[in-house]
Protein backbone atom coordinates (compact mmCIF):
# COMPACT_ATOMS: atom_id res chain seq x y z
CA MET A 1 131.57 199.24 43.14
CA GLU A 2 132.35 195.67 43.57
CA ASN A 3 136.28 195.22 43.23
CA MET A 4 135.51 191.52 41.50
CA ALA A 5 139.47 190.59 40.59
CA GLN A 6 140.48 192.12 44.02
CA PHE A 7 142.71 194.76 42.31
CA HIS A 8 144.52 197.31 44.51
CA VAL A 9 147.47 199.47 43.84
CA ASP A 10 149.37 201.22 46.34
CA SER A 11 149.43 204.88 45.48
CA LYS A 12 152.64 205.71 47.22
CA LYS A 13 154.26 202.94 45.06
CA CYS A 14 152.81 203.73 41.67
CA ILE A 15 154.65 206.12 39.54
CA GLY A 16 151.97 206.20 36.80
CA CYS A 17 154.48 205.02 34.15
CA GLY A 18 151.19 203.59 32.28
CA LEU A 19 152.98 199.91 31.32
CA CYS A 20 150.39 197.92 32.92
CA VAL A 21 147.77 199.74 30.94
CA LYS A 22 149.51 198.44 27.71
CA VAL A 23 150.20 195.12 28.62
CA CYS A 24 146.30 194.46 29.44
CA PRO A 25 144.79 192.30 27.18
CA GLY A 26 141.06 192.81 27.86
CA GLY A 27 141.87 197.18 28.29
CA VAL A 28 140.72 197.11 31.49
CA LEU A 29 143.22 198.98 33.29
CA TYR A 30 143.68 202.98 33.11
CA LEU A 31 145.47 205.88 34.73
CA ASN A 32 142.96 208.09 36.49
CA GLU A 33 143.37 211.88 37.42
CA GLU A 34 146.08 211.32 40.03
CA ASN A 35 147.97 209.75 36.92
CA CYS A 36 147.75 205.89 39.17
CA SER A 37 146.80 202.69 37.75
CA SER A 38 142.97 201.65 38.21
CA MET A 39 140.46 199.15 36.82
CA LYS A 40 137.74 200.17 34.97
CA GLU A 41 134.16 198.07 36.43
CA ILE A 42 134.05 194.72 34.98
CA ARG A 43 131.00 192.37 35.11
CA GLY A 44 132.60 189.01 34.58
CA PHE A 45 136.16 187.72 33.08
CA GLY A 46 137.03 187.40 29.96
CA TRP A 47 136.78 188.78 26.44
CA ASN A 48 135.06 191.80 27.80
CA GLY A 49 136.63 192.01 30.75
CA CYS A 50 139.83 191.06 32.97
CA TRP A 51 141.25 188.07 31.83
CA LYS A 52 143.20 186.45 34.63
CA CYS A 53 146.20 187.39 33.29
CA GLU A 54 148.11 188.92 36.07
CA HIS A 55 150.39 190.85 33.88
CA CYS A 56 149.76 194.21 35.53
CA MET A 57 150.87 192.90 38.31
CA ALA A 58 153.89 191.54 36.61
CA VAL A 59 154.81 193.95 34.97
CA CYS A 60 155.03 196.80 37.55
CA PRO A 61 158.58 197.78 38.02
CA LYS A 62 157.74 199.01 41.62
CA GLY A 63 155.86 196.16 42.48
CA ALA A 64 152.47 198.09 43.27
CA ILE A 65 149.97 195.83 42.01
CA ARG A 66 148.11 193.51 43.94
CA ILE A 67 145.35 191.08 42.16
CA PHE A 68 143.27 187.57 43.09
CA GLY A 69 144.85 187.90 46.29
CA LYS A 70 148.92 187.81 44.68
CA ASP A 71 151.21 189.98 46.66
CA PRO A 72 154.02 190.92 43.96
CA GLU A 73 156.85 190.16 46.42
CA ASP A 74 155.74 186.47 46.27
CA SER A 75 156.49 186.17 42.70
CA VAL A 76 159.68 184.66 40.92
CA PRO A 77 161.86 187.07 39.53
CA PRO A 78 162.81 187.01 36.22
CA VAL A 79 166.15 185.17 34.81
CA SER A 80 168.61 186.66 32.69
CA PRO A 81 169.32 185.61 29.01
CA GLU A 82 172.75 184.55 29.93
CA GLN A 83 171.64 182.26 32.26
CA SER A 84 168.22 180.99 31.05
CA ALA A 85 169.17 180.25 27.74
CA ASN A 86 171.89 177.69 28.16
CA ILE A 87 170.05 176.08 31.01
CA LEU A 88 166.77 175.70 28.35
CA ASP A 89 168.91 175.11 25.24
CA ALA A 90 170.73 171.89 27.24
CA LEU A 91 166.98 170.81 29.02
CA ILE A 92 165.46 170.85 25.33
CA ARG A 93 168.70 168.76 23.46
CA ASN A 94 168.80 166.39 26.79
CA ARG A 95 164.86 165.47 26.50
CA HIS A 96 164.56 161.88 25.30
CA SER A 97 161.37 160.02 25.09
CA CYS A 98 161.40 157.86 28.14
CA ARG A 99 159.97 154.17 27.08
CA ARG A 100 161.58 152.12 29.83
CA PHE A 101 160.90 153.58 33.45
CA LEU A 102 161.78 152.49 37.27
CA THR A 103 159.46 150.79 39.49
CA LYS A 104 159.65 153.86 41.40
CA ASP A 105 156.56 156.31 42.40
CA VAL A 106 157.09 160.15 42.07
CA ASP A 107 156.10 162.04 45.13
CA PRO A 108 152.51 163.50 44.72
CA SER A 109 153.72 166.77 45.54
CA VAL A 110 156.08 166.80 42.94
CA ILE A 111 153.10 166.49 40.23
CA ASP A 112 151.38 168.67 42.32
CA GLU A 113 153.92 171.16 41.87
CA MET A 114 154.60 170.29 38.40
CA ILE A 115 150.91 170.82 37.22
CA CYS A 116 150.40 173.94 39.09
CA LEU A 117 153.18 175.51 36.74
CA LEU A 118 150.85 174.69 33.58
CA GLY A 119 148.54 177.77 34.96
CA ASN A 120 151.12 180.01 33.47
CA ALA A 121 151.49 177.93 30.28
CA PRO A 122 149.88 180.16 27.11
CA ASN A 123 146.58 179.22 26.03
CA GLY A 124 143.73 180.95 23.69
CA GLY A 125 142.46 184.09 25.62
CA ASN A 126 143.71 182.83 28.93
CA LYS A 127 140.16 180.79 29.18
CA GLN A 128 142.38 178.37 31.65
CA GLN A 129 139.83 175.60 30.22
CA VAL A 130 142.29 172.79 29.84
CA GLU A 131 142.08 169.99 32.51
CA PHE A 132 144.20 167.36 33.89
CA THR A 133 143.42 163.86 34.49
CA VAL A 134 145.94 162.17 36.39
CA ILE A 135 146.95 158.52 37.76
CA GLU A 136 149.72 159.09 40.20
CA ASP A 137 150.26 156.14 41.86
CA ARG A 138 151.98 153.26 39.97
CA THR A 139 150.00 150.44 41.64
CA GLU A 140 146.98 152.05 40.16
CA MET A 141 148.16 153.05 36.90
CA ASP A 142 149.20 149.03 36.73
CA ARG A 143 145.53 148.00 37.31
CA PHE A 144 144.38 150.40 34.38
CA ARG A 145 147.08 149.06 32.18
CA ALA A 146 145.46 145.68 32.74
CA LEU A 147 142.37 145.77 31.75
CA ALA A 148 143.00 148.13 29.19
CA TYR A 149 145.32 145.33 27.94
CA GLU A 150 142.85 142.60 28.41
CA ARG A 151 140.06 144.83 26.62
CA MET A 152 142.56 145.34 23.34
CA ASP A 153 143.10 141.84 23.19
CA GLU A 154 139.35 140.93 23.51
CA LEU A 155 138.44 143.26 20.60
CA ALA A 156 141.08 142.00 18.67
CA ALA A 157 140.22 138.68 18.83
CA GLU A 158 136.73 140.16 17.08
CA GLY A 159 138.39 141.46 14.90
CA VAL A 160 138.37 145.29 16.76
CA TYR A 161 141.78 147.34 16.34
CA PRO A 162 142.99 150.29 17.24
CA ARG A 163 142.54 152.94 14.45
CA GLY A 164 145.27 152.56 11.75
CA PHE A 165 146.02 148.70 12.22
CA ASP A 166 144.55 145.72 10.93
CA ARG A 167 145.56 141.76 11.89
CA PRO A 168 149.14 141.50 10.63
CA SER A 169 150.04 144.81 12.18
CA TYR A 170 148.17 143.87 15.66
CA GLU A 171 150.49 140.85 15.67
CA ASP A 172 153.87 142.62 14.71
CA MET A 173 153.22 145.03 17.70
CA LYS A 174 152.41 142.01 20.15
CA ARG A 175 155.93 140.58 19.06
CA TRP A 176 157.59 143.38 19.51
CA GLU A 177 156.13 143.54 23.50
CA GLU A 178 158.53 140.37 23.21
CA THR A 179 161.50 142.01 21.77
CA VAL A 180 161.18 145.90 22.06
CA ARG A 181 159.51 146.44 25.18
CA PRO A 182 156.68 144.52 27.16
CA ASP A 183 154.27 147.66 27.26
CA MET A 184 153.47 148.66 23.77
CA LEU A 185 150.51 150.41 25.27
CA PHE A 186 151.55 152.39 28.08
CA CYS A 187 155.33 152.21 27.76
CA GLY A 188 155.49 150.92 31.39
CA ALA A 189 155.27 154.37 32.37
CA PRO A 190 154.18 154.57 36.33
CA CYS A 191 152.15 157.74 36.01
CA LEU A 192 149.92 158.89 33.19
CA MET A 193 148.73 162.55 33.06
CA ILE A 194 146.55 163.18 30.12
CA PRO A 195 145.07 167.05 29.55
CA HIS A 196 141.88 167.24 27.95
CA ALA A 197 139.44 170.36 27.12
CA PRO A 198 135.67 171.05 25.92
CA LEU A 199 135.22 171.29 22.60
CA GLY A 200 132.99 173.59 20.77
CA LYS A 201 134.60 177.05 22.62
CA GLY A 202 137.87 178.28 23.07
CA GLU A 203 140.95 176.66 21.40
CA PRO A 204 140.43 173.48 22.66
CA VAL A 205 143.15 171.61 20.28
CA GLU A 206 145.85 174.20 20.97
CA ASP A 207 145.81 174.86 24.59
CA VAL A 208 145.69 170.81 24.99
CA MET A 209 149.10 170.36 22.39
CA THR A 210 150.37 173.46 24.36
CA GLU A 211 150.06 172.20 27.84
CA ALA A 212 151.18 168.79 26.43
CA ALA A 213 154.47 170.12 25.54
CA TYR A 214 155.09 172.63 28.44
CA PHE A 215 154.56 169.21 31.09
CA GLU A 216 157.21 167.45 29.15
CA LEU A 217 159.43 170.14 29.37
CA ILE A 218 158.87 170.01 32.84
CA CYS A 219 159.57 166.63 33.22
CA ALA A 220 162.98 166.96 31.92
CA SER A 221 163.49 169.94 34.44
CA ARG A 222 163.00 167.92 37.17
CA GLY A 223 164.88 164.65 35.95
CA LEU A 224 161.68 162.75 34.76
CA GLY A 225 161.35 160.77 32.05
CA ALA A 226 158.20 161.48 29.96
CA VAL A 227 156.48 160.21 26.53
CA MET A 228 154.06 161.57 24.36
CA MET A 229 151.58 158.93 23.20
CA THR A 230 148.47 158.83 20.96
CA PHE A 231 148.25 155.03 20.44
CA PRO A 232 146.58 154.47 24.20
CA LYS A 233 144.27 156.96 22.86
CA ASP A 234 142.98 155.57 19.98
CA VAL A 235 142.64 152.08 21.75
CA LEU A 236 140.75 153.52 23.86
CA ALA A 237 138.38 155.16 22.08
CA ASN A 238 137.15 151.40 21.01
CA MET A 239 136.48 151.08 24.82
CA PRO A 240 134.33 153.89 26.16
CA ASP A 241 133.73 151.91 29.09
CA VAL A 242 137.43 151.84 30.01
CA ARG A 243 138.14 155.35 28.97
CA ALA A 244 134.83 156.10 31.14
CA LEU A 245 137.10 155.72 34.01
CA LEU A 246 139.56 158.81 32.98
CA GLN A 247 136.40 160.89 33.72
CA ILE A 248 136.76 162.69 30.76
CA PRO A 249 133.79 163.81 29.47
CA GLU A 250 132.45 162.88 26.47
CA ASP A 251 132.42 166.38 24.62
CA HIS A 252 136.48 167.36 25.57
CA TYR A 253 139.18 166.78 23.25
CA ILE A 254 142.09 164.29 24.07
CA GLY A 255 145.25 165.00 21.98
CA VAL A 256 147.74 163.06 23.90
CA MET A 257 148.32 161.06 26.61
CA ILE A 258 151.51 161.73 28.66
CA GLY A 259 153.30 158.72 30.25
CA PHE A 260 155.95 159.73 32.90
CA GLY A 261 158.41 159.21 35.81
CA TYR A 262 162.05 158.18 36.59
CA PRO A 263 163.87 156.65 33.81
CA GLU A 264 164.92 153.48 33.75
CA ILE A 265 168.16 154.26 31.02
CA ARG A 266 169.69 157.93 31.82
CA TYR A 267 171.38 159.32 28.44
CA ALA A 268 175.45 160.46 28.52
CA ARG A 269 174.51 163.21 26.62
CA GLY A 270 171.86 165.30 24.47
CA THR A 271 171.34 165.03 20.54
CA GLN A 272 172.11 166.99 18.07
CA ARG A 273 168.68 167.15 15.84
CA THR A 274 168.75 170.41 13.90
CA ILE A 275 166.27 171.57 11.32
CA ASP A 276 167.17 171.36 7.76
CA GLU A 277 167.09 174.30 5.79
CA GLU A 278 164.83 173.35 3.34
CA ARG A 279 162.07 172.91 5.86
CA ILE A 280 162.33 176.75 6.80
CA HIS A 281 160.76 179.09 4.76
CA ARG A 282 161.79 182.38 5.25
CA ILE A 283 159.38 185.01 4.13
CA ARG A 284 160.23 188.58 2.60
CA PHE A 285 158.20 191.34 1.41
CA ARG A 286 159.71 193.96 -0.40
CA GLU A 287 158.25 197.15 -1.19
CA GLY A 288 156.28 197.71 -4.12
CA GLU A 289 156.35 194.05 -5.47
CA GLU A 290 152.32 192.70 -5.45
CA THR A 291 152.12 189.30 -4.05
CA LYS A 292 150.09 186.95 -6.14
């Protein structure tokens, strides 16, 4: 039988606890006659096979399982809540949308590392269908920025504006560039990352937005500023020739573009924003009561 998933179990380490069986979303694992973890024959990956989630390797308390050529000893150990809660809370409270960046390149190896981490973000059925378009060189980003601005102004002169804009609002935006920030389109970001996924299968909208949210938090953890942008997406919708330079297929969903780089302004402290109670809808079902 072909072992498509490269699933291997060290029978000397396996204690037959069955945890791998319980966490397998594809239901392809079982305990054999020797009470050792085994995988059923699979003909593919996805709903009717292995989901490529690696949960079996991650959950094994003895490190008995290897899959896809991955060794459990190379996995990152879990962090205790006592350590992780304070760190994650601080990252979330101190993340800010960055709209002013230094003219400093981000090391490509750092960008590769951050994107690689996104393989661990949740996505529907673990289909891993999100693709990533990246401009990681600020010189290239400046060229793309100039081209997009040129075409945007040409279209505006013809009375064609981004979605939600008309002539007065467009002129307001151009004035803001003189006082608020010089680049209202890409916020002066030296780097750009665009997650996108094919429409018509899986959960492209949810997957793309989840990847974007994780990426922003990863940026914060590396001391990088990031800004979620939808305006340039609407601008590029009017210029398919420029959008084509990003090599994003027409049938791919784009929910947001993320500008990132080293921030020009460092904040001294986190914010104290909370969620108002009226925005929280607490549902309780009481036994014996009918729902209407």
